[in-house]
Amino acid sequence: MTMGMKRASIMMIFIVQGALNGVLGCLLGGVSGIIIAENLSRIAKGIENILGIKLLSADVYFIDFLPSQLNFSDVFIVLMLAFIMSLLATIYPAWKASKTQPAKALAGR
């Protein structure tokens, strides 16, 4: 026990926080990734205009644009894997925190 809380409760706090961070990260990453993927050609053209150089010259490459095809099944798989990894990343810190004795931690031992 840590300050009257059971080990399972402490682990659950860490896991819930990890899940919330994972959901927020997936939402922000998913939305920004979709927006960038859908506008990749425009973004590349904007960079070319700002820098004054041609990123993909038709003289050198077979194409002069950045093709982008968005598959929502791929987006879903990536988001699910990212969420699962965020949950897995919380297990060790949650376990370690549940074993911590507050008096020893505060004393610096």
C-alpha atoms as a PDB file:
ATOM      1  CA  MET A   1       0.000   0.000   0.000  1.00  0.00           C
ATOM      2  CA  THR A   2       1.054   3.545  -0.670  1.00  0.00           C
ATOM      3  CA  MET A   3      -0.476   6.200   1.595  1.00  0.00           C
ATOM      4  CA  GLY A   4      -3.556   4.051   2.133  1.00  0.00           C
ATOM      5  CA  MET A   5      -4.170   3.251  -1.538  1.00  0.00           C
ATOM      6  CA  LYS A   6      -4.039  -0.275  -2.852  1.00  0.00           C
ATOM      7  CA  ARG A   7      -1.462  -1.214  -5.477  1.00  0.00           C
ATOM      8  CA  ALA A   8      -4.178  -1.926  -8.028  1.00  0.00           C
ATOM      9  CA  SER A   9      -5.652   1.566  -7.556  1.00  0.00           C
ATOM     10  CA  ILE A  10      -2.290   3.213  -8.097  1.00  0.00           C
ATOM     11  CA  MET A  11      -1.651   1.130 -11.198  1.00  0.00           C
ATOM     12  CA  MET A  12      -5.104   1.998 -12.524  1.00  0.00           C
ATOM     13  CA  ILE A  13      -4.424   5.743 -12.090  1.00  0.00           C
ATOM     14  CA  PHE A  14      -1.275   5.461 -14.205  1.00  0.00           C
ATOM     15  CA  ILE A  15      -2.943   3.292 -16.827  1.00  0.00           C
ATOM     16  CA  VAL A  16      -5.946   5.629 -17.140  1.00  0.00           C
ATOM     17  CA  GLN A  17      -3.618   8.621 -17.517  1.00  0.00           C
ATOM     18  CA  GLY A  18      -1.639   6.724 -20.156  1.00  0.00           C
ATOM     19  CA  ALA A  19      -4.854   5.858 -21.990  1.00  0.00           C
ATOM     20  CA  LEU A  20      -5.984   9.493 -21.937  1.00  0.00           C
ATOM     21  CA  ASN A  21      -2.606  10.620 -23.260  1.00  0.00           C
ATOM     22  CA  GLY A  22      -2.796   7.913 -25.915  1.00  0.00           C
ATOM     23  CA  VAL A  23      -6.268   8.991 -27.030  1.00  0.00           C
ATOM     24  CA  LEU A  24      -5.230  12.647 -27.180  1.00  0.00           C
ATOM     25  CA  GLY A  25      -2.064  11.783 -29.105  1.00  0.00           C
ATOM     26  CA  CYS A  26      -3.997   9.596 -31.540  1.00  0.00           C
ATOM     27  CA  LEU A  27      -6.587  12.302 -32.124  1.00  0.00           C
ATOM     28  CA  LEU A  28      -4.036  15.055 -32.705  1.00  0.00           C
ATOM     29  CA  GLY A  29      -1.720  12.848 -34.757  1.00  0.00           C
ATOM     30  CA  GLY A  30      -4.533  11.307 -36.773  1.00  0.00           C
ATOM     31  CA  VAL A  31      -6.193  14.602 -37.638  1.00  0.00           C
ATOM     32  CA  SER A  32      -2.932  16.366 -38.489  1.00  0.00           C
ATOM     33  CA  GLY A  33      -1.717  13.356 -40.500  1.00  0.00           C
ATOM     34  CA  ILE A  34      -4.936  13.204 -42.517  1.00  0.00           C
ATOM     35  CA  ILE A  35      -4.839  16.951 -43.202  1.00  0.00           C
ATOM     36  CA  ILE A  36      -1.199  16.789 -44.326  1.00  0.00           C
ATOM     37  CA  ALA A  37      -1.765  13.676 -46.474  1.00  0.00           C
ATOM     38  CA  GLU A  38      -4.791  15.214 -48.187  1.00  0.00           C
ATOM     39  CA  ASN A  39      -2.906  18.450 -48.955  1.00  0.00           C
ATOM     40  CA  LEU A  40       0.579  17.080 -49.645  1.00  0.00           C
ATOM     41  CA  SER A  41       0.823  18.383 -53.220  1.00  0.00           C
ATOM     42  CA  ARG A  42      -0.279  21.872 -52.154  1.00  0.00           C
ATOM     43  CA  ILE A  43       2.157  21.853 -49.243  1.00  0.00           C
ATOM     44  CA  ALA A  44       5.015  20.837 -51.560  1.00  0.00           C
ATOM     45  CA  LYS A  45       4.089  23.584 -54.043  1.00  0.00           C
ATOM     46  CA  GLY A  46       3.982  26.123 -51.195  1.00  0.00           C
ATOM     47  CA  ILE A  47       7.447  25.054 -50.019  1.00  0.00           C
ATOM     48  CA  GLU A  48       8.715  25.342 -53.595  1.00  0.00           C
ATOM     49  CA  ASN A  49       7.294  28.867 -53.871  1.00  0.00           C
ATOM     50  CA  ILE A  50       8.729  29.958 -50.516  1.00  0.00           C
ATOM     51  CA  LEU A  51      12.206  28.519 -51.158  1.00  0.00           C
ATOM     52  CA  GLY A  52      12.230  29.356 -54.857  1.00  0.00           C
ATOM     53  CA  ILE A  53      13.430  25.906 -55.857  1.00  0.00           C
ATOM     54  CA  LYS A  54      11.840  22.938 -57.576  1.00  0.00           C
ATOM     55  CA  LEU A  55      11.705  19.941 -55.219  1.00  0.00           C
ATOM     56  CA  LEU A  56      10.685  17.432 -57.860  1.00  0.00           C
ATOM     57  CA  SER A  57      11.866  18.509 -61.277  1.00  0.00           C
ATOM     58  CA  ALA A  58      10.242  16.711 -64.206  1.00  0.00           C
ATOM     59  CA  ASP A  59      13.667  16.732 -65.905  1.00  0.00           C
ATOM     60  CA  VAL A  60      15.140  14.554 -63.156  1.00  0.00           C
ATOM     61  CA  TYR A  61      12.181  12.522 -61.889  1.00  0.00           C
ATOM     62  CA  PHE A  62       9.324  10.806 -63.687  1.00  0.00           C
ATOM     63  CA  ILE A  63       6.826  12.905 -61.732  1.00  0.00           C
ATOM     64  CA  ASP A  64       6.793  16.566 -60.713  1.00  0.00           C
ATOM     65  CA  PHE A  65       4.361  16.251 -57.785  1.00  0.00           C
ATOM     66  CA  LEU A  66       4.016  14.249 -54.576  1.00  0.00           C
ATOM     67  CA  PRO A  67       1.256  11.678 -54.961  1.00  0.00           C
ATOM     68  CA  SER A  68      -0.672  10.850 -51.826  1.00  0.00           C
ATOM     69  CA  GLN A  69      -3.410   8.285 -51.445  1.00  0.00           C
ATOM     70  CA  LEU A  70      -5.073   8.039 -48.061  1.00  0.00           C
ATOM     71  CA  ASN A  71      -6.419   4.634 -47.028  1.00  0.00           C
ATOM     72  CA  PHE A  72      -8.562   4.925 -43.934  1.00  0.00           C
ATOM     73  CA  SER A  73      -7.940   1.286 -43.078  1.00  0.00           C
ATOM     74  CA  ASP A  74      -4.223   2.144 -42.806  1.00  0.00           C
ATOM     75  CA  VAL A  75      -5.029   5.181 -40.675  1.00  0.00           C
ATOM     76  CA  PHE A  76      -7.175   3.034 -38.381  1.00  0.00           C
ATOM     77  CA  ILE A  77      -4.472   0.376 -38.012  1.00  0.00           C
ATOM     78  CA  VAL A  78      -1.785   2.960 -37.237  1.00  0.00           C
ATOM     79  CA  LEU A  79      -4.001   4.725 -34.690  1.00  0.00           C
ATOM     80  CA  MET A  80      -4.895   1.449 -32.963  1.00  0.00           C
ATOM     81  CA  LEU A  81      -1.241   0.382 -32.813  1.00  0.00           C
ATOM     82  CA  ALA A  82      -0.237   3.785 -31.429  1.00  0.00           C
ATOM     83  CA  PHE A  83      -2.929   3.556 -28.758  1.00  0.00           C
ATOM     84  CA  ILE A  84      -1.931   0.008 -27.795  1.00  0.00           C
ATOM     85  CA  MET A  85       1.715   1.071 -27.570  1.00  0.00           C
ATOM     86  CA  SER A  86       0.771   3.993 -25.320  1.00  0.00           C
ATOM     87  CA  LEU A  87      -1.031   1.568 -23.019  1.00  0.00           C
ATOM     88  CA  LEU A  88       1.893  -0.854 -23.014  1.00  0.00           C
ATOM     89  CA  ALA A  89       4.249   2.012 -22.199  1.00  0.00           C
ATOM     90  CA  THR A  90       2.303   2.740 -19.003  1.00  0.00           C
ATOM     91  CA  ILE A  91       2.585  -0.743 -17.506  1.00  0.00           C
ATOM     92  CA  TYR A  92       6.141  -0.559 -16.150  1.00  0.00           C
ATOM     93  CA  PRO A  93       5.813   2.959 -14.646  1.00  0.00           C
ATOM     94  CA  ALA A  94       2.467   1.977 -13.110  1.00  0.00           C
ATOM     95  CA  TRP A  95       3.970  -1.170 -11.600  1.00  0.00           C
ATOM     96  CA  LYS A  96       6.997   0.767 -10.323  1.00  0.00           C
ATOM     97  CA  ALA A  97       4.808   3.493  -8.784  1.00  0.00           C
ATOM     98  CA  SER A  98       2.591   0.936  -7.084  1.00  0.00           C
ATOM     99  CA  LYS A  99       5.638  -0.536  -5.343  1.00  0.00           C
ATOM    100  CA  THR A 100       6.973   2.833  -4.150  1.00  0.00           C
ATOM    101  CA  GLN A 101       6.916   3.521  -0.426  1.00  0.00           C
ATOM    102  CA  PRO A 102       6.168   7.254   0.049  1.00  0.00           C
ATOM    103  CA  ALA A 103       8.331   7.668   3.154  1.00  0.00           C
ATOM    104  CA  LYS A 104      11.368   6.180   1.410  1.00  0.00           C
ATOM    105  CA  ALA A 105      10.757   8.174  -1.755  1.00  0.00           C
ATOM    106  CA  LEU A 106      10.461  11.440   0.189  1.00  0.00           C
ATOM    107  CA  ALA A 107      13.575  10.617   2.218  1.00  0.00           C
ATOM    108  CA  GLY A 108      15.522  10.180  -1.011  1.00  0.00           C
ATOM    109  CA  ARG A 109      16.297   6.473  -0.623  1.00  0.00           C
END
